[in-house]
C-alpha atoms as a PDB file:
ATOM      1  CA  MET A   1       0.000   0.000   0.000  1.00  0.00           C
ATOM      2  CA  PRO A   2       1.322   3.525  -0.730  1.00  0.00           C
ATOM      3  CA  GLU A   3       2.695   5.423   2.239  1.00  0.00           C
ATOM      4  CA  GLY A   4       2.036   9.050   3.154  1.00  0.00           C
ATOM      5  CA  PRO A   5       4.590  11.705   4.115  1.00  0.00           C
ATOM      6  CA  THR A   6       4.207  10.918   7.836  1.00  0.00           C
ATOM      7  CA  ALA A   7       4.847   7.178   7.470  1.00  0.00           C
ATOM      8  CA  HIS A   8       6.387   5.653  10.596  1.00  0.00           C
ATOM      9  CA  LYS A   9       8.214   2.434  11.368  1.00  0.00           C
ATOM     10  CA  LEU A  10       5.573  -0.268  11.376  1.00  0.00           C
ATOM     11  CA  THR A  11       5.105  -2.797  14.144  1.00  0.00           C
ATOM     12  CA  SER A  12       5.061  -6.493  13.243  1.00  0.00           C
ATOM     13  CA  LYS A  13       1.265  -6.470  13.608  1.00  0.00           C
ATOM     14  CA  GLU A  14       0.947  -3.492  11.257  1.00  0.00           C
ATOM     15  CA  GLN A  15       3.292  -5.134   8.776  1.00  0.00           C
ATOM     16  CA  LYS A  16       1.180  -8.309   8.787  1.00  0.00           C
ATOM     17  CA  ARG A  17      -1.993  -6.283   8.328  1.00  0.00           C
ATOM     18  CA  ASN A  18      -0.475  -4.425   5.356  1.00  0.00           C
ATOM     19  CA  ARG A  19       0.749  -7.704   3.870  1.00  0.00           C
ATOM     20  CA  ILE A  20      -2.769  -9.095   4.087  1.00  0.00           C
ATOM     21  CA  LEU A  21      -4.170  -5.953   2.438  1.00  0.00           C
ATOM     22  CA  GLN A  22      -1.660  -6.100  -0.412  1.00  0.00           C
ATOM     23  CA  THR A  23      -2.324  -9.800  -0.875  1.00  0.00           C
ATOM     24  CA  ALA A  24      -6.068  -9.154  -0.932  1.00  0.00           C
ATOM     25  CA  ILE A  25      -5.545  -6.560  -3.672  1.00  0.00           C
ATOM     26  CA  GLU A  26      -3.761  -9.152  -5.816  1.00  0.00           C
ATOM     27  CA  VAL A  27      -6.348 -11.846  -5.112  1.00  0.00           C
ATOM     28  CA  PHE A  28      -9.353  -9.578  -5.763  1.00  0.00           C
ATOM     29  CA  ALA A  29      -7.758  -8.298  -8.977  1.00  0.00           C
ATOM     30  CA  ASP A  30      -6.974 -11.824 -10.171  1.00  0.00           C
ATOM     31  CA  LYS A  31     -10.127 -13.697  -9.158  1.00  0.00           C
ATOM     32  CA  GLY A  32     -12.641 -10.876  -8.840  1.00  0.00           C
ATOM     33  CA  TYR A  33     -14.124  -9.741  -5.551  1.00  0.00           C
ATOM     34  CA  PHE A  34     -17.247 -11.937  -5.690  1.00  0.00           C
ATOM     35  CA  THR A  35     -15.368 -15.063  -6.745  1.00  0.00           C
ATOM     36  CA  ALA A  36     -12.499 -14.670  -4.284  1.00  0.00           C
ATOM     37  CA  ARG A  37     -12.853 -16.160  -0.808  1.00  0.00           C
ATOM     38  CA  MET A  38     -11.256 -15.168   2.464  1.00  0.00           C
ATOM     39  CA  THR A  39      -9.546 -18.558   2.338  1.00  0.00           C
ATOM     40  CA  ASP A  40      -7.886 -17.552  -0.946  1.00  0.00           C
ATOM     41  CA  VAL A  41      -6.507 -14.400   0.683  1.00  0.00           C
ATOM     42  CA  ALA A  42      -5.287 -16.308   3.745  1.00  0.00           C
ATOM     43  CA  HIS A  43      -3.492 -18.938   1.659  1.00  0.00           C
ATOM     44  CA  ALA A  44      -1.867 -16.315  -0.592  1.00  0.00           C
ATOM     45  CA  ALA A  45      -0.762 -14.302   2.465  1.00  0.00           C
ATOM     46  CA  HIS A  46       0.550 -17.496   4.165  1.00  0.00           C
ATOM     47  CA  VAL A  47      -1.574 -17.042   7.279  1.00  0.00           C
ATOM     48  CA  ALA A  48      -4.281 -19.137   8.903  1.00  0.00           C
ATOM     49  CA  ASP A  49      -7.869 -18.430   7.852  1.00  0.00           C
ATOM     50  CA  GLY A  50      -8.734 -17.287  11.363  1.00  0.00           C
ATOM     51  CA  THR A  51      -5.918 -14.744  11.342  1.00  0.00           C
ATOM     52  CA  LEU A  52      -7.776 -12.622   8.791  1.00  0.00           C
ATOM     53  CA  TYR A  53     -10.648 -12.172  11.226  1.00  0.00           C
ATOM     54  CA  LEU A  54      -8.301 -10.756  13.841  1.00  0.00           C
ATOM     55  CA  TYR A  55      -7.876  -7.771  11.506  1.00  0.00           C
ATOM     56  CA  PHE A  56     -11.057  -7.633   9.418  1.00  0.00           C
ATOM     57  CA  ASP A  57     -14.729  -8.480   9.986  1.00  0.00           C
ATOM     58  CA  GLY A  58     -15.067 -10.172   6.623  1.00  0.00           C
ATOM     59  CA  LYS A  59     -14.454  -9.862   2.895  1.00  0.00           C
ATOM     60  CA  GLU A  60     -16.461  -6.661   2.477  1.00  0.00           C
ATOM     61  CA  ASP A  61     -14.635  -5.034   5.389  1.00  0.00           C
ATOM     62  CA  LEU A  62     -11.348  -6.062   3.784  1.00  0.00           C
ATOM     63  CA  LEU A  63     -12.353  -4.462   0.477  1.00  0.00           C
ATOM     64  CA  MET A  64     -13.558  -1.246   2.097  1.00  0.00           C
ATOM     65  CA  THR A  65     -10.356  -1.047   4.158  1.00  0.00           C
ATOM     66  CA  ILE A  66      -8.307  -1.180   0.955  1.00  0.00           C
ATOM     67  CA  PHE A  67     -10.399   1.666  -0.457  1.00  0.00           C
ATOM     68  CA  ASP A  68     -10.329   3.810   2.708  1.00  0.00           C
ATOM     69  CA  GLN A  69      -6.627   3.299   3.405  1.00  0.00           C
ATOM     70  CA  THR A  70      -5.643   4.151  -0.154  1.00  0.00           C
ATOM     71  CA  LEU A  71      -7.734   7.322  -0.030  1.00  0.00           C
ATOM     72  CA  SER A  72      -6.416   8.268   3.427  1.00  0.00           C
ATOM     73  CA  GLN A  73      -2.842   8.073   2.226  1.00  0.00           C
ATOM     74  CA  PHE A  74      -3.708   9.913  -0.985  1.00  0.00           C
ATOM     75  CA  ILE A  75      -5.418  12.733   0.918  1.00  0.00           C
ATOM     76  CA  GLU A  76      -2.481  13.007   3.311  1.00  0.00           C
ATOM     77  CA  ARG A  77      -0.033  13.348   0.421  1.00  0.00           C
ATOM     78  CA  LEU A  78      -2.282  15.820  -1.386  1.00  0.00           C
ATOM     79  CA  GLU A  79      -2.686  18.069   1.650  1.00  0.00           C
ATOM     80  CA  HIS A  80       1.053  17.880   2.299  1.00  0.00           C
ATOM     81  CA  GLU A  81       2.002  18.904  -1.251  1.00  0.00           C
ATOM     82  CA  MET A  82      -0.615  21.657  -1.473  1.00  0.00           C
ATOM     83  CA  ARG A  83       0.669  23.463   1.637  1.00  0.00           C
ATOM     84  CA  SER A  84       3.384  25.212  -0.356  1.00  0.00           C
ATOM     85  CA  LEU A  85       1.084  26.137  -3.271  1.00  0.00           C
ATOM     86  CA  ASP A  86      -1.034  29.275  -3.700  1.00  0.00           C
ATOM     87  CA  ASP A  87      -2.309  28.945  -7.263  1.00  0.00           C
ATOM     88  CA  PRO A  88      -5.474  26.808  -7.546  1.00  0.00           C
ATOM     89  CA  VAL A  89      -4.283  25.646 -10.976  1.00  0.00           C
ATOM     90  CA  ASP A  90      -1.117  24.232  -9.407  1.00  0.00           C
ATOM     91  CA  LYS A  91      -3.177  22.561  -6.688  1.00  0.00           C
ATOM     92  CA  LEU A  92      -5.456  20.950  -9.249  1.00  0.00           C
ATOM     93  CA  ARG A  93      -2.465  19.681 -11.178  1.00  0.00           C
ATOM     94  CA  VAL A  94      -0.996  18.124  -8.031  1.00  0.00           C
ATOM     95  CA  MET A  95      -4.314  16.425  -7.314  1.00  0.00           C
ATOM     96  CA  VAL A  96      -4.565  14.951 -10.815  1.00  0.00           C
ATOM     97  CA  ARG A  97      -0.899  13.912 -10.809  1.00  0.00           C
ATOM     98  CA  LEU A  98      -1.158  12.106  -7.486  1.00  0.00           C
ATOM     99  CA  HIS A  99      -4.342  10.339  -8.582  1.00  0.00           C
ATOM    100  CA  LEU A 100      -2.725   9.053 -11.769  1.00  0.00           C
ATOM    101  CA  GLU A 101       0.542   8.292  -9.992  1.00  0.00           C
ATOM    102  CA  THR A 102      -1.083   6.320  -7.167  1.00  0.00           C
ATOM    103  CA  LEU A 103      -3.003   3.983  -9.463  1.00  0.00           C
ATOM    104  CA  GLY A 104      -0.492   3.957 -12.301  1.00  0.00           C
ATOM    105  CA  ARG A 105       2.171   2.282 -10.188  1.00  0.00           C
ATOM    106  CA  ASN A 106      -0.111  -0.526  -8.977  1.00  0.00           C
ATOM    107  CA  ARG A 107      -2.318  -1.971 -11.701  1.00  0.00           C
ATOM    108  CA  SER A 108      -3.913  -4.505  -9.362  1.00  0.00           C
ATOM    109  CA  LEU A 109      -4.907  -1.736  -6.963  1.00  0.00           C
ATOM    110  CA  ALA A 110      -6.330   0.262  -9.872  1.00  0.00           C
ATOM    111  CA  HIS A 111      -8.389  -2.757 -10.933  1.00  0.00           C
ATOM    112  CA  VAL A 112      -9.799  -3.244  -7.435  1.00  0.00           C
ATOM    113  CA  LEU A 113     -10.663   0.432  -6.925  1.00  0.00           C
ATOM    114  CA  GLN A 114     -12.024   1.052 -10.425  1.00  0.00           C
ATOM    115  CA  ILE A 115     -13.959  -2.174 -10.900  1.00  0.00           C
ATOM    116  CA  GLU A 116     -14.356  -4.430  -7.889  1.00  0.00           C
ATOM    117  CA  THR A 117     -15.427  -1.831  -5.316  1.00  0.00           C
ATOM    118  CA  ARG A 118     -18.165  -0.483  -7.578  1.00  0.00           C
ATOM    119  CA  HIS A 119     -20.063  -3.755  -7.560  1.00  0.00           C
ATOM    120  CA  THR A 120     -20.688  -3.666  -3.819  1.00  0.00           C
ATOM    121  CA  ARG A 121     -23.816  -2.131  -2.309  1.00  0.00           C
ATOM    122  CA  LYS A 122     -21.923  -0.735   0.691  1.00  0.00           C
ATOM    123  CA  PHE A 123     -19.480   1.125  -1.522  1.00  0.00           C
ATOM    124  CA  MET A 124     -22.213   2.687  -3.637  1.00  0.00           C
ATOM    125  CA  SER A 125     -24.161   3.769  -0.537  1.00  0.00           C
ATOM    126  CA  GLN A 126     -21.060   5.546   0.822  1.00  0.00           C
ATOM    127  CA  LEU A 127     -19.974   7.039  -2.489  1.00  0.00           C
ATOM    128  CA  THR A 128     -20.188  10.658  -1.359  1.00  0.00           C
ATOM    129  CA  ARG A 129     -19.379  10.063   2.315  1.00  0.00           C
ATOM    130  CA  GLY A 130     -16.352   9.045   4.333  1.00  0.00           C
ATOM    131  CA  LYS A 131     -12.913   9.254   2.742  1.00  0.00           C
ATOM    132  CA  PHE A 132     -14.290   9.583  -0.762  1.00  0.00           C
ATOM    133  CA  GLY A 133     -16.493  12.465   0.348  1.00  0.00           C
ATOM    134  CA  LYS A 134     -13.411  14.176   1.781  1.00  0.00           C
ATOM    135  CA  TYR A 135     -11.561  13.620  -1.497  1.00  0.00           C
ATOM    136  CA  LEU A 136     -14.374  15.245  -3.482  1.00  0.00           C
ATOM    137  CA  GLY A 137     -14.499  18.026  -0.893  1.00  0.00           C
ATOM    138  CA  LEU A 138     -10.842  18.817  -1.503  1.00  0.00           C
ATOM    139  CA  VAL A 139     -11.414  18.984  -5.249  1.00  0.00           C
ATOM    140  CA  ARG A 140     -14.392  21.272  -4.699  1.00  0.00           C
ATOM    141  CA  THR A 141     -12.347  23.517  -2.397  1.00  0.00           C
ATOM    142  CA  ILE A 142      -9.731  23.911  -5.139  1.00  0.00           C
ATOM    143  CA  ILE A 143     -12.458  24.775  -7.652  1.00  0.00           C
ATOM    144  CA  GLU A 144     -14.083  27.308  -5.323  1.00  0.00           C
ATOM    145  CA  GLU A 145     -10.722  28.912  -4.580  1.00  0.00           C
ATOM    146  CA  GLY A 146     -10.059  29.203  -8.295  1.00  0.00           C
ATOM    147  CA  GLN A 147     -13.448  30.806  -8.846  1.00  0.00           C
ATOM    148  CA  ALA A 148     -12.912  33.249  -5.978  1.00  0.00           C
ATOM    149  CA  THR A 149      -9.542  34.333  -7.358  1.00  0.00           C
ATOM    150  CA  GLY A 150     -10.699  34.543 -10.979  1.00  0.00           C
ATOM    151  CA  ARG A 151      -8.574  31.618 -12.141  1.00  0.00           C
ATOM    152  CA  PHE A 152     -11.655  29.505 -12.912  1.00  0.00           C
ATOM    153  CA  LYS A 153     -14.963  30.612 -14.385  1.00  0.00           C
ATOM    154  CA  SER A 154     -17.771  31.128 -11.925  1.00  0.00           C
ATOM    155  CA  SER A 155     -20.518  30.577 -14.492  1.00  0.00           C
ATOM    156  CA  ILE A 156     -20.649  26.870 -13.661  1.00  0.00           C
ATOM    157  CA  SER A 157     -21.336  25.480 -10.210  1.00  0.00           C
ATOM    158  CA  ALA A 158     -18.417  24.205  -8.141  1.00  0.00           C
ATOM    159  CA  GLY A 159     -20.287  20.930  -7.701  1.00  0.00           C
ATOM    160  CA  LEU A 160     -20.602  20.373 -11.436  1.00  0.00           C
ATOM    161  CA  ALA A 161     -16.948  21.317 -12.010  1.00  0.00           C
ATOM    162  CA  THR A 162     -15.894  18.870  -9.283  1.00  0.00           C
ATOM    163  CA  ASN A 163     -17.828  16.051 -10.933  1.00  0.00           C
ATOM    164  CA  VAL A 164     -16.342  16.898 -14.333  1.00  0.00           C
ATOM    165  CA  VAL A 165     -12.781  16.857 -12.968  1.00  0.00           C
ATOM    166  CA  PHE A 166     -13.241  13.565 -11.150  1.00  0.00           C
ATOM    167  CA  GLY A 167     -15.103  12.038 -14.087  1.00  0.00           C
ATOM    168  CA  ALA A 168     -12.336  12.963 -16.519  1.00  0.00           C
ATOM    169  CA  VAL A 169      -9.587  11.499 -14.328  1.00  0.00           C
ATOM    170  CA  ASP A 170     -11.675   8.414 -13.607  1.00  0.00           C
ATOM    171  CA  GLU A 171     -12.354   7.766 -17.303  1.00  0.00           C
ATOM    172  CA  ILE A 172      -8.676   8.132 -18.225  1.00  0.00           C
ATOM    173  CA  ILE A 173      -7.752   5.551 -15.589  1.00  0.00           C
ATOM    174  CA  MET A 174     -10.509   3.170 -16.698  1.00  0.00           C
ATOM    175  CA  SER A 175      -9.421   3.381 -20.353  1.00  0.00           C
ATOM    176  CA  TRP A 176      -5.805   2.776 -19.321  1.00  0.00           C
ATOM    177  CA  LEU A 177      -6.842  -0.174 -17.172  1.00  0.00           C
ATOM    178  CA  LEU A 178      -8.798  -1.845 -19.969  1.00  0.00           C
ATOM    179  CA  ALA A 179      -6.092  -1.310 -22.612  1.00  0.00           C
ATOM    180  CA  GLU A 180      -4.368  -4.488 -23.784  1.00  0.00           C
ATOM    181  CA  ASP A 181      -0.961  -2.829 -23.821  1.00  0.00           C
ATOM    182  CA  PRO A 182      -1.136   0.090 -21.360  1.00  0.00           C
ATOM    183  CA  SER A 183       1.561   2.731 -21.293  1.00  0.00           C
ATOM    184  CA  ASP A 184       2.656   4.941 -18.423  1.00  0.00           C
ATOM    185  CA  LEU A 185      -0.493   6.461 -16.956  1.00  0.00           C
ATOM    186  CA  LEU A 186       1.284   9.721 -16.123  1.00  0.00           C
ATOM    187  CA  ARG A 187       1.745  10.460 -19.825  1.00  0.00           C
ATOM    188  CA  TYR A 188      -1.880  11.585 -19.835  1.00  0.00           C
ATOM    189  CA  LEU A 189      -1.263  14.265 -17.208  1.00  0.00           C
ATOM    190  CA  ASP A 190      -0.373  17.177 -19.499  1.00  0.00           C
ATOM    191  CA  PRO A 191      -3.100  16.689 -22.143  1.00  0.00           C
ATOM    192  CA  LEU A 192      -5.693  16.055 -19.440  1.00  0.00           C
ATOM    193  CA  MET A 193      -4.710  19.217 -17.588  1.00  0.00           C
ATOM    194  CA  ASP A 194      -4.853  21.199 -20.843  1.00  0.00           C
ATOM    195  CA  VAL A 195      -8.461  20.091 -21.368  1.00  0.00           C
ATOM    196  CA  LEU A 196      -9.490  20.727 -17.754  1.00  0.00           C
ATOM    197  CA  ILE A 197      -7.847  24.135 -17.436  1.00  0.00           C
ATOM    198  CA  GLU A 198      -9.148  25.302 -20.806  1.00  0.00           C
ATOM    199  CA  GLY A 199     -12.650  24.285 -19.775  1.00  0.00           C
ATOM    200  CA  LEU A 200     -12.390  25.919 -16.344  1.00  0.00           C
ATOM    201  CA  ALA A 201     -10.660  29.103 -17.466  1.00  0.00           C
ATOM    202  CA  PRO A 202     -12.826  32.238 -17.458  1.00  0.00           C
ATOM    203  CA  CYS A 203     -13.977  33.344 -20.881  1.00  0.00           C
ATOM    204  CA  GLU A 204     -12.144  36.295 -22.321  1.00  0.00           C
ATOM    205  CA  THR A 205     -14.323  39.317 -22.804  1.00  0.00           C
ATOM    206  CA  THR A 206     -14.751  40.085 -26.489  1.00  0.00           C
ATOM    207  CA  PRO A 207     -14.105  43.784 -27.070  1.00  0.00           C
ATOM    208  CA  GLN A 208     -17.084  45.663 -28.437  1.00  0.00           C
ATOM    209  CA  ILE A 209     -16.561  47.222 -31.856  1.00  0.00           C
ATOM    210  CA  GLU A 210     -18.291  50.515 -32.444  1.00  0.00           C
ATOM    211  CA  VAL A 211     -19.684  51.050 -35.911  1.00  0.00           C
ATOM    212  CA  ASP A 212     -19.951  54.610 -37.155  1.00  0.00           C
END
């Protein structure tokens, strides 16, 4: 699992828990969440079946923990990197870069987050709450800051702009994930940012021409 800027030396219990999580990512990506069993995860992680239940309530809890922990670490990194930035455009770029970077370096994790989590009722019911709600809130804050400073147009709602930004990043990742021969996901950063910034930029006022 990716680590945030405040990562500390892990205890043996934390290391085992992370090993189980990483193993679960590989198993869910390979077998599919609904097909995979807790026994499959235990065997792949080289632990007893009962050991899994010392850390997680069940398979759904294991899946949601993967999702929440990934987002927690992403949000921590994003907030850390944005502290030194003033321009909302720079902040948005950091957000998009970290999103692509996080999933681009772990294809199995990308598969689980993009595909497997979205087939669970619990995930869909919490789509705009919890860690994911905080993620969307950060994107919206960047948009609102850009609108307040004149960097982004204020003619569209911050909520709509937030959905457009997330939707664009999400679709790029999904297309990359489904490609037979995927390239480096970060290569899409510049063209994606060009499209987003051009769409968010305030319209230039057309000078009025007086006719005699």
